[in-house]
Amino acid sequence: MFVPYDLHFGAQIVCAHEDTCLGLLTLFRSKDSHNFSDKEIFFLDSLKEHLSIRLFQDRKQQNTSPRKSISWFRETYCLTHREEEILDLLLEGLENEQIAEKLCISENTLRRHIYNLYGKLNIQHRWQLHFLDREI
């Protein structure tokens, strides 16, 4: 799959701390660059510990930051009342099925609302909500 891009070698580390997966770092090299050496793999493994702790601390700090109010989102992004309700439930971590049931709407209707909401917020994925949600 990577050969058309001249990528023949890869090294990957999983960043995790306290049973929490924080991310995945993958490095690639072309065929001309040769495979990763034992010394480079050792360096990546050492970097993994530091990076995992740093990412964990950053996530912990974000989780303690105060949440922006839903009214802030409404005013800033001109949300409808329904979009405001849906955003609040999304930020609480509810799944689509739970939100649709709670609001007594179909999942298709909910998906349309979410699509419109994401357009107004200029995001494409649910995980991006959490970057908009915290005070800076």
Protein backbone atom coordinates (compact mmCIF):
# COMPACT_ATOMS: atom_id res chain seq x y z
CA MET A 1 0.00 0.00 0.00
CA PHE A 2 2.90 2.39 0.69
CA VAL A 3 5.12 1.29 -2.20
CA PRO A 4 3.56 3.76 -4.70
CA TYR A 5 4.72 6.53 -2.33
CA ASP A 6 8.24 5.04 -2.15
CA LEU A 7 7.74 4.11 1.51
CA HIS A 8 9.32 0.77 2.30
CA PHE A 9 10.27 0.92 5.97
CA GLY A 10 8.31 1.97 9.03
CA ALA A 11 8.75 2.33 12.75
CA GLN A 12 5.80 2.81 15.06
CA ILE A 13 5.34 3.63 18.74
CA VAL A 14 2.18 3.61 20.80
CA CYS A 15 1.98 6.36 23.39
CA ALA A 16 0.12 5.19 26.49
CA HIS A 17 0.18 6.10 30.16
CA GLU A 18 -1.85 4.79 33.11
CA ASP A 19 -3.84 2.42 30.86
CA THR A 20 -4.83 5.28 28.53
CA CYS A 21 -3.92 5.17 24.85
CA LEU A 22 -2.83 8.68 23.89
CA GLY A 23 -1.72 8.27 20.31
CA LEU A 24 0.32 6.51 17.71
CA LEU A 25 3.49 7.83 16.08
CA THR A 26 4.57 6.26 12.80
CA LEU A 27 7.70 7.15 10.88
CA PHE A 28 8.36 6.01 7.32
CA ARG A 29 11.43 5.81 5.11
CA SER A 30 12.03 5.28 1.44
CA LYS A 31 13.84 2.24 0.11
CA ASP A 32 16.98 4.32 -0.49
CA SER A 33 17.16 5.37 3.18
CA HIS A 34 17.40 1.79 4.50
CA ASN A 35 15.58 0.36 7.48
CA PHE A 36 15.64 1.87 10.98
CA SER A 37 18.75 0.91 13.00
CA ASP A 38 18.70 -0.57 16.50
CA LYS A 39 20.06 2.74 17.79
CA GLU A 40 17.19 4.66 16.16
CA ILE A 41 14.63 2.21 17.54
CA PHE A 42 16.15 2.64 21.01
CA PHE A 43 15.87 6.43 20.63
CA LEU A 44 12.20 6.14 19.58
CA ASP A 45 11.50 3.86 22.53
CA SER A 46 13.10 6.40 24.89
CA LEU A 47 11.11 9.20 23.29
CA LYS A 48 7.91 7.17 23.75
CA GLU A 49 8.09 7.37 27.56
CA HIS A 50 8.66 11.11 27.62
CA LEU A 51 6.04 11.81 24.96
CA SER A 52 3.45 9.58 26.67
CA ILE A 53 3.85 11.35 30.02
CA ARG A 54 3.72 14.77 28.37
CA LEU A 55 0.58 13.91 26.38
CA PHE A 56 -1.06 12.46 29.49
CA GLN A 57 -0.32 15.62 31.50
CA ASP A 58 -1.68 17.77 28.68
CA ARG A 59 -4.87 15.72 28.48
CA LYS A 60 -5.29 15.89 32.26
CA GLN A 61 -4.92 19.68 32.16
CA GLN A 62 -7.51 19.96 29.35
CA ASN A 63 -9.97 17.85 31.31
CA THR A 64 -9.73 20.21 34.28
CA SER A 65 -10.21 23.35 32.18
CA PRO A 66 -13.69 24.82 32.53
CA ARG A 67 -16.11 24.00 29.75
CA LYS A 68 -17.36 26.82 27.59
CA SER A 69 -21.04 27.49 28.10
CA ILE A 70 -23.53 26.30 25.53
CA SER A 71 -24.75 29.90 25.24
CA TRP A 72 -21.21 30.88 24.17
CA PHE A 73 -21.45 28.37 21.32
CA ARG A 74 -24.95 29.60 20.41
CA GLU A 75 -23.84 33.21 20.22
CA THR A 76 -20.47 32.57 18.58
CA TYR A 77 -21.68 30.11 15.93
CA CYS A 78 -25.35 31.19 15.53
CA LEU A 79 -26.70 27.78 16.58
CA THR A 80 -30.37 26.89 16.53
CA HIS A 81 -32.02 25.69 19.72
CA ARG A 82 -31.94 22.09 18.45
CA GLU A 83 -28.24 22.33 17.48
CA GLU A 84 -27.54 23.74 20.94
CA GLU A 85 -29.30 20.75 22.56
CA ILE A 86 -27.43 18.29 20.38
CA LEU A 87 -24.07 19.95 21.02
CA ASP A 88 -24.63 19.78 24.77
CA LEU A 89 -25.37 16.05 24.55
CA LEU A 90 -22.39 15.43 22.25
CA LEU A 91 -20.10 17.20 24.72
CA GLU A 92 -21.50 15.00 27.50
CA GLY A 93 -20.24 12.03 25.48
CA LEU A 94 -23.56 10.49 24.47
CA GLU A 95 -23.72 8.30 21.37
CA ASN A 96 -26.04 9.07 18.44
CA GLU A 97 -28.54 6.40 19.46
CA GLN A 98 -28.79 7.84 22.99
CA ILE A 99 -29.17 11.41 21.72
CA ALA A 100 -31.87 10.47 19.21
CA GLU A 101 -33.81 8.61 21.89
CA LYS A 102 -33.48 11.45 24.40
CA LEU A 103 -34.66 14.06 21.85
CA CYS A 104 -37.34 11.78 20.34
CA ILE A 105 -35.99 12.10 16.80
CA SER A 106 -34.75 9.54 14.29
CA GLU A 107 -31.04 8.85 13.92
CA ASN A 108 -31.24 10.12 10.32
CA THR A 109 -32.64 13.45 11.52
CA LEU A 110 -29.94 13.58 14.18
CA ARG A 111 -27.23 12.94 11.58
CA ARG A 112 -28.55 15.86 9.51
CA HIS A 113 -28.46 18.14 12.58
CA ILE A 114 -24.92 16.99 13.39
CA TYR A 115 -23.85 17.59 9.79
CA ASN A 116 -25.20 21.17 9.96
CA LEU A 117 -23.65 21.69 13.40
CA TYR A 118 -20.22 20.51 12.23
CA GLY A 119 -20.50 22.89 9.27
CA LYS A 120 -21.15 25.84 11.57
CA LEU A 121 -18.34 24.82 13.92
CA ASN A 122 -16.02 24.20 10.94
CA ILE A 123 -15.10 20.69 12.08
CA GLN A 124 -15.38 17.25 10.49
CA HIS A 125 -15.11 14.81 13.39
CA ARG A 126 -16.62 14.45 16.85
CA TRP A 127 -13.23 14.39 18.58
CA GLN A 128 -12.63 17.94 17.32
CA LEU A 129 -15.45 19.18 19.57
CA HIS A 130 -13.18 18.77 22.58
CA PHE A 131 -10.70 21.27 21.18
CA LEU A 132 -13.48 23.84 20.81
CA ASP A 133 -14.93 23.04 24.22
CA ARG A 134 -12.17 24.21 26.56
CA GLU A 135 -11.36 27.73 27.67
CA ILE A 136 -7.96 28.96 26.51
